[in-house]
């Protein structure tokens, strides 16, 4: 009997139970049975992924991005992205799809870079039919991106400005309301380096004589956050 093994990870139990109910009831070519294991914590998910190295290996991981209240000062945040990076190292043959409420360009394109997942679905794009179609595509002919995820990817691809990862982090945290004086808590740069980067970005985006809000709006319009 050929079994498709899926591990669904989300900190909301009702969400993982919904995935389990929907996916175990679907049919998929080449598989007689679909089994969906679920977990709601980072620690248990990490253990299941690590244990799978020496037993059966999951065919697919369904990961949420945010698995707990984010502590952005932590050196090792417990996120689905961290689990995806771990899985790519120890079970590279396992397919990975993100199922997240995050649809902003920074998060999606960051995960595409760090994890290179086989799919990314924004939860507001998903219904049972879409979920089934997504899983079939990820298993048989990846990648699969939901409409909002694809929009973010296309928007990023249309940009030609030279913005590096540190610049993106500055833009992201500013967009979340972090004050400039507090940015060094999240980004390993000196205050003077942060100010220089902000000044450079304002020149790139044509907001030299405007405030940080103008910079954020310009960056959002170009798909950087």
N, C-alpha and C. Protein backbone atom coordinates (compact mmCIF):
# COMPACT_ATOMS: atom_id res chain seq x y z
N UNK A 1 0.85 -1.19 0.00
CA UNK A 1 0.00 0.00 0.00
C UNK A 1 0.89 1.25 0.00
N UNK A 2 0.63 2.14 -0.93
CA UNK A 2 1.42 3.35 -1.05
C UNK A 2 0.73 4.46 -0.27
N UNK A 3 1.40 4.98 0.76
CA UNK A 3 0.80 5.96 1.66
C UNK A 3 1.50 7.30 1.53
N UNK A 4 0.71 8.37 1.42
CA UNK A 4 1.23 9.73 1.45
C UNK A 4 1.18 10.22 2.88
N UNK A 5 2.34 10.57 3.44
CA UNK A 5 2.41 11.02 4.83
C UNK A 5 2.63 12.53 4.85
N UNK A 6 1.75 13.23 5.55
CA UNK A 6 1.80 14.70 5.65
C UNK A 6 1.87 15.09 7.12
N UNK A 7 2.70 16.07 7.43
CA UNK A 7 2.72 16.66 8.77
C UNK A 7 2.24 18.10 8.67
N UNK A 8 1.12 18.40 9.33
CA UNK A 8 0.55 19.74 9.32
C UNK A 8 0.87 20.43 10.65
N UNK A 9 1.46 21.63 10.55
CA UNK A 9 1.93 22.34 11.74
C UNK A 9 1.30 23.74 11.77
N UNK A 10 0.52 24.00 12.79
CA UNK A 10 -0.13 25.30 12.96
C UNK A 10 -0.47 25.44 14.43
N UNK A 11 -0.32 26.64 14.99
CA UNK A 11 -0.57 26.79 16.42
C UNK A 11 -2.05 26.84 16.77
N UNK A 12 -2.92 26.78 15.77
CA UNK A 12 -4.36 26.70 16.02
C UNK A 12 -4.84 25.27 15.72
N UNK A 13 -5.29 24.58 16.75
CA UNK A 13 -5.66 23.18 16.60
C UNK A 13 -6.80 22.99 15.59
N UNK A 14 -7.76 23.90 15.58
CA UNK A 14 -8.87 23.77 14.64
C UNK A 14 -8.38 23.83 13.18
N UNK A 15 -7.33 24.58 12.94
CA UNK A 15 -6.78 24.68 11.59
C UNK A 15 -6.17 23.35 11.16
N UNK A 16 -5.34 22.76 12.02
CA UNK A 16 -4.73 21.48 11.65
C UNK A 16 -5.76 20.37 11.52
N UNK A 17 -6.79 20.41 12.36
CA UNK A 17 -7.85 19.40 12.24
C UNK A 17 -8.61 19.57 10.93
N UNK A 18 -8.79 20.82 10.50
CA UNK A 18 -9.42 21.07 9.21
C UNK A 18 -8.61 20.51 8.06
N UNK A 19 -7.28 20.71 8.11
CA UNK A 19 -6.41 20.14 7.08
C UNK A 19 -6.52 18.62 7.07
N UNK A 20 -6.50 18.03 8.26
CA UNK A 20 -6.55 16.58 8.37
C UNK A 20 -7.85 16.03 7.78
N UNK A 21 -8.96 16.62 8.16
CA UNK A 21 -10.27 16.16 7.67
C UNK A 21 -10.35 16.29 6.15
N UNK A 22 -9.91 17.42 5.61
CA UNK A 22 -10.01 17.66 4.17
C UNK A 22 -9.09 16.76 3.38
N UNK A 23 -7.83 16.65 3.81
CA UNK A 23 -6.83 15.94 3.01
C UNK A 23 -6.95 14.42 3.12
N UNK A 24 -7.33 13.92 4.27
CA UNK A 24 -7.46 12.46 4.39
C UNK A 24 -8.67 11.95 3.62
N UNK A 25 -9.55 12.84 3.24
CA UNK A 25 -10.72 12.44 2.46
C UNK A 25 -10.54 12.57 0.96
N UNK A 26 -9.38 13.07 0.51
CA UNK A 26 -9.17 13.26 -0.92
C UNK A 26 -8.53 12.04 -1.55
N UNK A 27 -8.60 11.96 -2.87
CA UNK A 27 -7.93 10.90 -3.61
C UNK A 27 -6.80 11.52 -4.41
N UNK A 28 -5.72 10.76 -4.55
CA UNK A 28 -4.55 11.26 -5.25
C UNK A 28 -3.91 10.11 -6.01
N UNK A 29 -3.65 10.33 -7.29
CA UNK A 29 -3.03 9.30 -8.11
C UNK A 29 -1.74 8.80 -7.46
N UNK A 30 -1.52 7.50 -7.55
CA UNK A 30 -0.30 6.83 -7.06
C UNK A 30 -0.31 6.59 -5.56
N UNK A 31 -1.36 7.05 -4.86
CA UNK A 31 -1.42 6.82 -3.42
C UNK A 31 -2.73 6.16 -3.04
N UNK A 32 -2.63 5.12 -2.21
CA UNK A 32 -3.82 4.42 -1.74
C UNK A 32 -4.42 5.08 -0.50
N UNK A 33 -3.54 5.67 0.30
CA UNK A 33 -3.96 6.24 1.57
C UNK A 33 -3.22 7.55 1.82
N UNK A 34 -3.92 8.49 2.45
CA UNK A 34 -3.29 9.73 2.89
C UNK A 34 -3.44 9.84 4.40
N UNK A 35 -2.30 9.99 5.09
CA UNK A 35 -2.30 10.13 6.54
C UNK A 35 -1.74 11.50 6.89
N UNK A 36 -2.49 12.25 7.67
CA UNK A 36 -2.07 13.59 8.08
C UNK A 36 -1.85 13.60 9.59
N UNK A 37 -0.60 13.76 10.00
CA UNK A 37 -0.28 13.97 11.41
C UNK A 37 -0.33 15.47 11.68
N UNK A 38 -0.66 15.83 12.90
CA UNK A 38 -0.79 17.26 13.23
C UNK A 38 -0.05 17.58 14.52
N UNK A 39 0.42 18.80 14.61
CA UNK A 39 0.98 19.31 15.85
C UNK A 39 0.79 20.82 15.91
N UNK A 40 0.79 21.35 17.12
CA UNK A 40 0.50 22.78 17.31
C UNK A 40 1.66 23.53 17.95
N UNK A 41 2.80 22.86 18.13
CA UNK A 41 3.94 23.52 18.77
C UNK A 41 5.20 23.36 17.95
N UNK A 42 6.07 24.34 18.07
CA UNK A 42 7.37 24.30 17.39
C UNK A 42 8.20 23.12 17.88
N UNK A 43 8.25 22.93 19.19
CA UNK A 43 9.11 21.90 19.76
C UNK A 43 8.71 20.51 19.29
N UNK A 44 7.41 20.21 19.31
CA UNK A 44 6.96 18.88 18.88
C UNK A 44 7.19 18.69 17.39
N UNK A 45 6.94 19.73 16.61
CA UNK A 45 7.17 19.64 15.17
C UNK A 45 8.64 19.37 14.87
N UNK A 46 9.53 20.08 15.56
CA UNK A 46 10.97 19.88 15.37
C UNK A 46 11.36 18.44 15.68
N UNK A 47 10.82 17.88 16.78
CA UNK A 47 11.13 16.51 17.16
C UNK A 47 10.62 15.51 16.11
N UNK A 48 9.39 15.73 15.62
CA UNK A 48 8.83 14.83 14.62
C UNK A 48 9.66 14.85 13.33
N UNK A 49 10.10 16.02 12.93
CA UNK A 49 10.91 16.12 11.72
C UNK A 49 12.26 15.44 11.92
N UNK A 50 12.88 15.67 13.08
CA UNK A 50 14.18 15.04 13.36
C UNK A 50 14.04 13.53 13.48
N UNK A 51 12.99 13.06 14.14
CA UNK A 51 12.78 11.62 14.29
C UNK A 51 12.51 10.94 12.96
N UNK A 52 11.94 11.68 12.02
CA UNK A 52 11.60 11.07 10.73
C UNK A 52 12.84 10.68 9.93
N UNK A 53 13.98 11.23 10.29
CA UNK A 53 15.22 10.90 9.57
C UNK A 53 15.53 9.41 9.70
N UNK A 54 15.24 8.84 10.85
CA UNK A 54 15.58 7.44 11.13
C UNK A 54 14.39 6.50 11.03
N UNK A 55 13.26 6.99 10.54
CA UNK A 55 12.09 6.12 10.36
C UNK A 55 11.50 6.43 8.99
N UNK A 56 10.19 6.50 8.91
CA UNK A 56 9.58 6.95 7.66
C UNK A 56 9.84 8.43 7.52
N UNK A 57 9.88 8.91 6.32
CA UNK A 57 10.05 10.35 6.11
C UNK A 57 8.74 10.92 5.59
N UNK A 58 8.37 12.09 6.10
CA UNK A 58 7.16 12.74 5.61
C UNK A 58 7.34 13.13 4.15
N UNK A 59 6.28 12.93 3.38
CA UNK A 59 6.30 13.35 1.98
C UNK A 59 6.10 14.85 1.86
N UNK A 60 5.38 15.44 2.83
CA UNK A 60 5.04 16.85 2.75
C UNK A 60 4.90 17.45 4.15
N UNK A 61 5.46 18.63 4.32
CA UNK A 61 5.24 19.43 5.52
C UNK A 61 4.37 20.62 5.16
N UNK A 62 3.30 20.84 5.93
CA UNK A 62 2.48 22.04 5.81
C UNK A 62 2.81 22.93 6.99
N UNK A 63 3.42 24.08 6.72
CA UNK A 63 3.94 24.92 7.79
C UNK A 63 3.22 26.27 7.84
N UNK A 64 2.84 26.67 9.05
CA UNK A 64 2.44 28.05 9.27
C UNK A 64 3.72 28.84 9.54
N UNK A 65 3.72 30.13 9.25
CA UNK A 65 4.91 30.94 9.48
C UNK A 65 5.06 31.25 10.96
N UNK A 66 4.01 31.74 11.58
CA UNK A 66 4.06 32.17 12.98
C UNK A 66 3.47 31.09 13.86
N UNK A 67 4.31 30.53 14.75
CA UNK A 67 3.88 29.43 15.59
C UNK A 67 3.70 29.82 17.05
N UNK A 68 4.02 31.05 17.37
CA UNK A 68 3.80 31.55 18.73
C UNK A 68 3.82 33.06 18.66
N UNK A 69 3.53 33.72 19.79
CA UNK A 69 3.65 35.17 19.82
C UNK A 69 5.10 35.52 19.53
N UNK A 70 5.39 36.28 18.46
CA UNK A 70 6.77 36.49 18.06
C UNK A 70 7.56 37.32 19.08
N UNK A 71 8.73 36.82 19.43
CA UNK A 71 9.66 37.58 20.26
C UNK A 71 10.80 38.01 19.36
N UNK A 72 10.68 39.20 18.78
CA UNK A 72 11.61 39.61 17.75
C UNK A 72 13.02 39.87 18.29
N UNK A 73 13.18 39.90 19.61
CA UNK A 73 14.52 40.08 20.16
C UNK A 73 15.23 38.75 20.32
N UNK A 74 14.52 37.64 20.11
CA UNK A 74 15.13 36.33 20.27
C UNK A 74 16.10 36.05 19.14
N UNK A 75 17.19 35.36 19.48
CA UNK A 75 18.17 34.99 18.46
C UNK A 75 17.64 33.86 17.58
N UNK A 76 16.77 33.02 18.15
CA UNK A 76 16.22 31.90 17.41
C UNK A 76 14.70 31.87 17.55
N UNK A 77 14.01 32.69 16.79
CA UNK A 77 12.55 32.71 16.88
C UNK A 77 11.96 31.37 16.45
N UNK A 78 10.92 30.98 17.13
CA UNK A 78 10.29 29.70 16.82
C UNK A 78 9.23 29.92 15.76
N UNK A 79 9.61 29.73 14.53
CA UNK A 79 8.73 29.99 13.40
C UNK A 79 8.72 28.81 12.45
N UNK A 80 7.70 28.81 11.58
CA UNK A 80 7.66 27.81 10.53
C UNK A 80 8.83 27.94 9.58
N UNK A 81 9.31 29.16 9.40
CA UNK A 81 10.47 29.36 8.53
C UNK A 81 11.69 28.62 9.08
N UNK A 82 11.88 28.69 10.40
CA UNK A 82 13.00 27.96 11.02
C UNK A 82 12.84 26.46 10.81
N UNK A 83 11.62 25.96 10.94
CA UNK A 83 11.38 24.53 10.70
C UNK A 83 11.66 24.16 9.25
N UNK A 84 11.28 25.05 8.33
CA UNK A 84 11.54 24.80 6.91
C UNK A 84 13.02 24.72 6.61
N UNK A 85 13.80 25.62 7.22
CA UNK A 85 15.25 25.61 7.03
C UNK A 85 15.84 24.31 7.58
N UNK A 86 15.37 23.89 8.76
CA UNK A 86 15.81 22.63 9.36
C UNK A 86 15.49 21.45 8.45
N UNK A 87 14.25 21.41 7.97
CA UNK A 87 13.83 20.29 7.12
C UNK A 87 14.65 20.21 5.83
N UNK A 88 14.95 21.34 5.25
CA UNK A 88 15.75 21.35 4.02
C UNK A 88 17.13 20.74 4.26
N UNK A 89 17.65 20.88 5.49
CA UNK A 89 18.97 20.34 5.80
C UNK A 89 18.94 18.85 6.06
N UNK A 90 17.94 18.37 6.82
CA UNK A 90 17.99 16.98 7.28
C UNK A 90 17.08 16.04 6.51
N UNK A 91 16.03 16.56 5.87
CA UNK A 91 15.16 15.71 5.03
C UNK A 91 14.90 16.45 3.71
N UNK A 92 15.93 16.67 2.90
CA UNK A 92 15.79 17.50 1.71
C UNK A 92 14.79 16.98 0.69
N UNK A 93 14.50 15.66 0.75
CA UNK A 93 13.55 15.11 -0.21
C UNK A 93 12.09 15.40 0.16
N UNK A 94 11.83 15.82 1.39
CA UNK A 94 10.47 16.14 1.84
C UNK A 94 10.03 17.47 1.23
N UNK A 95 8.84 17.48 0.65
CA UNK A 95 8.31 18.72 0.08
C UNK A 95 7.77 19.61 1.20
N UNK A 96 7.82 20.91 0.97
CA UNK A 96 7.40 21.89 1.97
C UNK A 96 6.45 22.90 1.35
N UNK A 97 5.32 23.11 2.01
CA UNK A 97 4.38 24.16 1.59
C UNK A 97 4.01 24.99 2.81
N UNK A 98 4.00 26.31 2.64
CA UNK A 98 3.58 27.20 3.72
C UNK A 98 2.12 27.55 3.55
N UNK A 99 1.40 27.56 4.67
CA UNK A 99 -0.01 27.95 4.71
C UNK A 99 -0.11 29.04 5.77
N UNK A 100 -0.09 30.29 5.35
CA UNK A 100 0.06 31.37 6.31
C UNK A 100 -0.91 32.51 6.06
N UNK A 101 -1.18 33.27 7.12
CA UNK A 101 -1.99 34.48 6.97
C UNK A 101 -1.16 35.63 6.44
N UNK A 102 0.19 35.50 6.45
CA UNK A 102 1.06 36.56 5.97
C UNK A 102 1.07 36.61 4.45
N UNK A 103 0.73 37.79 3.92
CA UNK A 103 0.73 37.96 2.47
C UNK A 103 1.65 39.09 2.02
N UNK A 104 2.42 39.67 2.98
CA UNK A 104 3.27 40.80 2.61
C UNK A 104 4.50 40.32 1.85
N UNK A 105 5.02 41.18 1.01
CA UNK A 105 6.12 40.83 0.13
C UNK A 105 7.38 40.44 0.89
N UNK A 106 7.65 41.13 2.00
CA UNK A 106 8.86 40.84 2.76
C UNK A 106 8.86 39.40 3.25
N UNK A 107 7.77 38.98 3.87
CA UNK A 107 7.71 37.63 4.43
C UNK A 107 7.78 36.57 3.33
N UNK A 108 6.96 36.72 2.31
CA UNK A 108 6.89 35.69 1.28
C UNK A 108 8.21 35.55 0.54
N UNK A 109 8.76 36.67 0.06
CA UNK A 109 9.99 36.59 -0.70
C UNK A 109 11.18 36.20 0.17
N UNK A 110 11.13 36.55 1.46
CA UNK A 110 12.17 36.10 2.38
C UNK A 110 12.15 34.59 2.53
N UNK A 111 10.97 34.01 2.66
CA UNK A 111 10.84 32.55 2.80
C UNK A 111 11.22 31.85 1.50
N UNK A 112 10.87 32.43 0.37
CA UNK A 112 11.29 31.83 -0.90
C UNK A 112 12.81 31.76 -0.99
N UNK A 113 13.48 32.73 -0.42
CA UNK A 113 14.94 32.77 -0.47
C UNK A 113 15.56 31.80 0.53
N UNK A 114 15.04 31.76 1.76
CA UNK A 114 15.68 30.95 2.80
C UNK A 114 15.30 29.48 2.75
N UNK A 115 14.07 29.18 2.35
CA UNK A 115 13.57 27.80 2.39
C UNK A 115 13.39 27.21 0.99
N UNK A 116 13.07 28.04 0.01
CA UNK A 116 12.74 27.58 -1.34
C UNK A 116 11.63 26.53 -1.28
N UNK A 117 10.46 26.89 -0.75
CA UNK A 117 9.39 25.91 -0.57
C UNK A 117 8.77 25.48 -1.90
N UNK A 118 8.06 24.36 -1.84
CA UNK A 118 7.37 23.84 -3.03
C UNK A 118 6.00 24.48 -3.20
N UNK A 119 5.60 25.29 -2.24
CA UNK A 119 4.33 25.99 -2.35
C UNK A 119 4.19 27.02 -1.26
N UNK A 120 3.39 28.05 -1.54
CA UNK A 120 3.05 29.05 -0.52
C UNK A 120 1.61 29.45 -0.76
N UNK A 121 0.77 29.28 0.27
CA UNK A 121 -0.63 29.62 0.18
C UNK A 121 -0.98 30.62 1.27
N UNK A 122 -1.62 31.71 0.90
CA UNK A 122 -2.16 32.65 1.87
C UNK A 122 -3.52 32.13 2.31
N UNK A 123 -3.73 32.06 3.62
CA UNK A 123 -4.91 31.38 4.14
C UNK A 123 -6.23 31.94 3.61
N UNK A 124 -6.28 33.24 3.36
CA UNK A 124 -7.52 33.82 2.86
C UNK A 124 -7.82 33.39 1.43
N UNK A 125 -6.84 32.79 0.75
CA UNK A 125 -7.06 32.26 -0.60
C UNK A 125 -7.58 30.83 -0.60
N UNK A 126 -7.60 30.20 0.57
CA UNK A 126 -7.81 28.75 0.65
C UNK A 126 -9.25 28.39 1.00
N UNK A 127 -9.80 27.46 0.25
CA UNK A 127 -11.01 26.74 0.63
C UNK A 127 -10.70 25.26 0.42
N UNK A 128 -11.58 24.34 0.81
CA UNK A 128 -11.25 22.91 0.66
C UNK A 128 -10.86 22.49 -0.75
N UNK A 129 -11.53 23.03 -1.76
CA UNK A 129 -11.19 22.68 -3.14
C UNK A 129 -9.80 23.17 -3.52
N UNK A 130 -9.50 24.42 -3.16
CA UNK A 130 -8.19 24.98 -3.45
C UNK A 130 -7.09 24.22 -2.73
N UNK A 131 -7.35 23.84 -1.48
CA UNK A 131 -6.36 23.09 -0.70
C UNK A 131 -6.03 21.77 -1.37
N UNK A 132 -7.05 21.07 -1.83
CA UNK A 132 -6.81 19.79 -2.50
C UNK A 132 -6.00 19.98 -3.78
N UNK A 133 -6.37 20.99 -4.56
CA UNK A 133 -5.63 21.26 -5.80
C UNK A 133 -4.18 21.62 -5.51
N UNK A 134 -3.97 22.39 -4.45
CA UNK A 134 -2.61 22.80 -4.08
C UNK A 134 -1.76 21.60 -3.70
N UNK A 135 -2.32 20.71 -2.89
CA UNK A 135 -1.57 19.54 -2.45
C UNK A 135 -1.22 18.64 -3.64
N UNK A 136 -2.16 18.45 -4.55
CA UNK A 136 -1.88 17.64 -5.74
C UNK A 136 -0.73 18.24 -6.55
N UNK A 137 -0.76 19.56 -6.72
CA UNK A 137 0.30 20.21 -7.49
C UNK A 137 1.65 20.11 -6.78
N UNK A 138 1.67 20.37 -5.48
CA UNK A 138 2.92 20.32 -4.72
C UNK A 138 3.54 18.92 -4.77
N UNK A 139 2.71 17.90 -4.70
CA UNK A 139 3.20 16.52 -4.72
C UNK A 139 3.63 16.09 -6.12
N UNK A 140 2.85 16.46 -7.12
CA UNK A 140 3.07 15.93 -8.46
C UNK A 140 3.88 16.86 -9.37
N UNK A 141 3.67 18.16 -9.25
CA UNK A 141 4.32 19.08 -10.19
C UNK A 141 4.50 20.47 -9.56
N UNK A 142 5.34 20.55 -8.52
CA UNK A 142 5.51 21.84 -7.83
C UNK A 142 6.23 22.86 -8.71
N UNK A 143 6.08 24.16 -8.38
CA UNK A 143 5.50 24.72 -7.15
C UNK A 143 4.05 25.12 -7.34
N UNK A 144 3.41 25.45 -6.22
CA UNK A 144 2.05 26.00 -6.23
C UNK A 144 2.04 27.26 -5.38
N UNK A 145 1.53 28.35 -5.94
CA UNK A 145 1.38 29.60 -5.19
C UNK A 145 -0.07 30.06 -5.30
N UNK A 146 -0.66 30.43 -4.18
CA UNK A 146 -2.01 30.98 -4.22
C UNK A 146 -1.97 32.37 -4.84
N UNK A 147 -3.11 32.94 -5.13
CA UNK A 147 -3.16 34.18 -5.91
C UNK A 147 -2.44 35.33 -5.21
N UNK A 148 -2.63 35.50 -3.90
CA UNK A 148 -1.96 36.60 -3.19
C UNK A 148 -0.46 36.37 -3.11
N UNK A 149 -0.04 35.13 -2.95
CA UNK A 149 1.39 34.83 -2.93
C UNK A 149 2.02 35.11 -4.29
N UNK A 150 1.34 34.72 -5.34
CA UNK A 150 1.86 34.94 -6.69
C UNK A 150 1.95 36.44 -6.99
N UNK A 151 0.98 37.21 -6.50
CA UNK A 151 1.02 38.65 -6.69
C UNK A 151 2.25 39.26 -6.03
N UNK A 152 2.57 38.80 -4.82
CA UNK A 152 3.74 39.30 -4.11
C UNK A 152 5.02 38.95 -4.83
N UNK A 153 5.07 37.74 -5.37
CA UNK A 153 6.27 37.29 -6.09
C UNK A 153 6.46 38.10 -7.37
N UNK A 154 5.40 38.30 -8.11
CA UNK A 154 5.49 39.07 -9.35
C UNK A 154 5.87 40.52 -9.08
N UNK A 155 5.33 41.08 -8.00
CA UNK A 155 5.64 42.46 -7.67
C UNK A 155 7.11 42.62 -7.35
N UNK A 156 7.67 41.65 -6.62
CA UNK A 156 9.09 41.68 -6.30
C UNK A 156 9.93 41.57 -7.57
N UNK A 157 9.55 40.70 -8.49
CA UNK A 157 10.33 40.47 -9.71
C UNK A 157 10.36 41.70 -10.60
N UNK A 158 9.39 42.59 -10.45
CA UNK A 158 9.31 43.76 -11.31
C UNK A 158 10.21 44.90 -10.84
N UNK A 159 10.84 44.72 -9.68
CA UNK A 159 11.68 45.79 -9.14
C UNK A 159 13.12 45.66 -9.60
N UNK A 160 13.76 46.81 -9.82
CA UNK A 160 15.15 46.82 -10.25
C UNK A 160 16.04 47.62 -9.31
N UNK A 161 15.53 48.00 -8.15
CA UNK A 161 16.33 48.75 -7.19
C UNK A 161 17.26 47.81 -6.44
N UNK A 162 18.46 48.31 -6.11
CA UNK A 162 19.46 47.52 -5.42
C UNK A 162 19.27 47.66 -3.91
N UNK A 163 18.46 46.76 -3.34
CA UNK A 163 18.18 46.77 -1.91
C UNK A 163 18.65 45.44 -1.34
N UNK A 164 19.54 45.47 -0.34
CA UNK A 164 20.02 44.21 0.22
C UNK A 164 19.18 43.79 1.42
N UNK A 165 19.55 42.66 2.04
CA UNK A 165 18.74 42.09 3.11
C UNK A 165 18.67 43.00 4.33
N UNK A 166 19.75 43.68 4.68
CA UNK A 166 19.73 44.60 5.82
C UNK A 166 18.77 45.76 5.55
N UNK A 167 18.78 46.27 4.31
CA UNK A 167 17.85 47.35 3.94
C UNK A 167 16.41 46.87 4.08
N UNK A 168 16.15 45.65 3.65
CA UNK A 168 14.79 45.10 3.73
C UNK A 168 14.35 44.98 5.19
N UNK A 169 15.27 44.57 6.05
CA UNK A 169 14.93 44.45 7.46
C UNK A 169 14.60 45.81 8.06
N UNK A 170 15.36 46.83 7.68
CA UNK A 170 15.07 48.17 8.17
C UNK A 170 13.68 48.61 7.72
N UNK A 171 13.38 48.42 6.45
CA UNK A 171 12.06 48.80 5.93
C UNK A 171 10.95 48.04 6.63
N UNK A 172 11.16 46.74 6.82
CA UNK A 172 10.13 45.91 7.44
C UNK A 172 9.82 46.37 8.86
N UNK A 173 10.86 46.58 9.67
CA UNK A 173 10.63 46.96 11.06
C UNK A 173 10.07 48.37 11.17
N UNK A 174 10.49 49.26 10.28
CA UNK A 174 9.89 50.60 10.27
C UNK A 174 8.40 50.51 9.94
N UNK A 175 8.06 49.63 9.01
CA UNK A 175 6.66 49.49 8.61
C UNK A 175 5.80 48.92 9.73
N UNK A 176 6.44 48.21 10.67
CA UNK A 176 5.72 47.65 11.81
C UNK A 176 5.65 48.62 12.99
N UNK A 177 6.19 49.84 12.79
CA UNK A 177 6.09 50.85 13.83
C UNK A 177 7.30 50.97 14.74
N UNK A 178 8.36 50.22 14.44
CA UNK A 178 9.57 50.31 15.25
C UNK A 178 10.25 51.66 15.02
N UNK A 179 10.64 52.33 16.08
CA UNK A 179 11.32 53.61 15.96
C UNK A 179 12.78 53.39 15.53
N UNK A 180 13.33 54.38 14.84
CA UNK A 180 14.70 54.25 14.33
C UNK A 180 15.68 53.95 15.45
N UNK A 181 15.50 54.59 16.60
CA UNK A 181 16.44 54.39 17.72
C UNK A 181 16.40 52.97 18.27
N UNK A 182 15.32 52.22 17.96
CA UNK A 182 15.17 50.85 18.46
C UNK A 182 15.55 49.80 17.42
N UNK A 183 15.87 50.21 16.20
CA UNK A 183 16.15 49.25 15.13
C UNK A 183 17.35 48.37 15.43
N UNK A 184 18.34 48.91 16.14
CA UNK A 184 19.53 48.11 16.41
C UNK A 184 19.24 46.90 17.31
N UNK A 185 18.07 46.87 17.95
CA UNK A 185 17.67 45.70 18.74
C UNK A 185 17.36 44.51 17.84
N UNK A 186 16.97 44.79 16.59
CA UNK A 186 16.55 43.74 15.68
C UNK A 186 17.53 43.52 14.53
N UNK A 187 18.36 44.50 14.25
CA UNK A 187 19.26 44.44 13.11
C UNK A 187 20.68 44.69 13.60
N UNK A 188 21.59 43.83 13.23
CA UNK A 188 22.96 43.94 13.72
C UNK A 188 23.74 44.99 12.94
N UNK A 189 23.37 46.23 13.18
CA UNK A 189 24.05 47.38 12.59
C UNK A 189 24.13 48.47 13.63
N UNK A 190 25.13 49.33 13.52
CA UNK A 190 25.24 50.46 14.42
C UNK A 190 24.20 51.51 14.07
N UNK A 191 23.83 52.38 15.01
CA UNK A 191 22.86 53.43 14.70
C UNK A 191 23.28 54.29 13.51
N UNK A 192 24.57 54.59 13.39
CA UNK A 192 25.02 55.41 12.26
C UNK A 192 24.85 54.68 10.93
N UNK A 193 25.12 53.37 10.92
CA UNK A 193 24.93 52.58 9.70
C UNK A 193 23.46 52.53 9.29
N UNK A 194 22.59 52.40 10.29
CA UNK A 194 21.15 52.38 10.00
C UNK A 194 20.72 53.72 9.40
N UNK A 195 21.19 54.81 9.97
CA UNK A 195 20.84 56.14 9.44
C UNK A 195 21.37 56.31 8.01
N UNK A 196 22.58 55.85 7.76
CA UNK A 196 23.15 55.96 6.41
C UNK A 196 22.34 55.15 5.41
N UNK A 197 21.92 53.96 5.80
CA UNK A 197 21.12 53.12 4.91
C UNK A 197 19.76 53.75 4.65
N UNK A 198 19.16 54.32 5.68
CA UNK A 198 17.88 55.00 5.48
C UNK A 198 18.02 56.17 4.52
N UNK A 199 19.07 56.92 4.69
CA UNK A 199 19.32 58.08 3.81
C UNK A 199 19.52 57.62 2.36
N UNK A 200 20.27 56.53 2.19
CA UNK A 200 20.51 55.99 0.84
C UNK A 200 19.21 55.52 0.21
N UNK A 201 18.37 54.83 1.00
CA UNK A 201 17.10 54.32 0.47
C UNK A 201 16.15 55.47 0.11
N UNK A 202 16.16 56.52 0.91
CA UNK A 202 15.31 57.66 0.58
C UNK A 202 15.72 58.27 -0.75
N UNK A 203 17.03 58.27 -1.04
CA UNK A 203 17.49 58.76 -2.33
C UNK A 203 17.03 57.84 -3.46
N UNK A 204 17.15 56.52 -3.25
CA UNK A 204 16.72 55.56 -4.27
C UNK A 204 15.24 55.68 -4.57
N UNK A 205 14.43 55.87 -3.52
CA UNK A 205 12.98 55.90 -3.68
C UNK A 205 12.45 57.31 -3.96
N UNK A 206 13.34 58.28 -4.04
CA UNK A 206 12.91 59.65 -4.36
C UNK A 206 12.16 60.33 -3.24
N UNK A 207 12.51 59.99 -1.99
CA UNK A 207 11.84 60.61 -0.83
C UNK A 207 12.86 61.31 0.06
N UNK A 208 13.89 61.90 -0.56
CA UNK A 208 15.01 62.48 0.20
C UNK A 208 14.57 63.49 1.25
N UNK A 209 13.60 64.32 0.91
CA UNK A 209 13.20 65.41 1.80
C UNK A 209 11.93 65.11 2.57
N UNK A 210 11.59 63.83 2.65
CA UNK A 210 10.35 63.44 3.33
C UNK A 210 10.66 62.56 4.54
N UNK A 211 9.61 62.24 5.30
CA UNK A 211 9.81 61.48 6.53
C UNK A 211 9.81 59.97 6.26
N UNK A 212 9.93 59.19 7.35
CA UNK A 212 10.02 57.73 7.22
C UNK A 212 8.74 57.14 6.64
N UNK A 213 7.60 57.75 6.92
CA UNK A 213 6.34 57.24 6.39
C UNK A 213 6.35 57.28 4.86
N UNK A 214 6.89 58.34 4.30
CA UNK A 214 6.98 58.43 2.84
C UNK A 214 7.87 57.33 2.28
N UNK A 215 8.97 57.05 2.98
CA UNK A 215 9.86 55.96 2.56
C UNK A 215 9.13 54.62 2.59
N UNK A 216 8.40 54.38 3.67
CA UNK A 216 7.66 53.11 3.81
C UNK A 216 6.63 52.96 2.70
N UNK A 217 5.88 54.02 2.42
CA UNK A 217 4.86 53.96 1.38
C UNK A 217 5.49 53.72 0.01
N UNK A 218 6.63 54.37 -0.25
CA UNK A 218 7.31 54.17 -1.53
C UNK A 218 7.81 52.74 -1.66
N UNK A 219 8.34 52.20 -0.57
CA UNK A 219 8.83 50.82 -0.58
C UNK A 219 7.69 49.84 -0.77
N UNK A 220 6.55 50.10 -0.14
CA UNK A 220 5.39 49.22 -0.31
C UNK A 220 4.88 49.25 -1.74
N UNK A 221 4.88 50.43 -2.34
CA UNK A 221 4.40 50.56 -3.73
C UNK A 221 5.29 49.82 -4.69
N UNK A 222 6.57 49.65 -4.34
CA UNK A 222 7.49 48.93 -5.21
C UNK A 222 7.63 47.47 -4.82
N UNK A 223 6.88 47.04 -3.79
CA UNK A 223 6.85 45.62 -3.44
C UNK A 223 7.96 45.14 -2.54
N UNK A 224 8.65 46.06 -1.84
CA UNK A 224 9.74 45.63 -0.98
C UNK A 224 9.28 45.26 0.42
N UNK A 225 8.08 45.68 0.81
CA UNK A 225 7.51 45.29 2.10
C UNK A 225 6.02 45.06 1.90
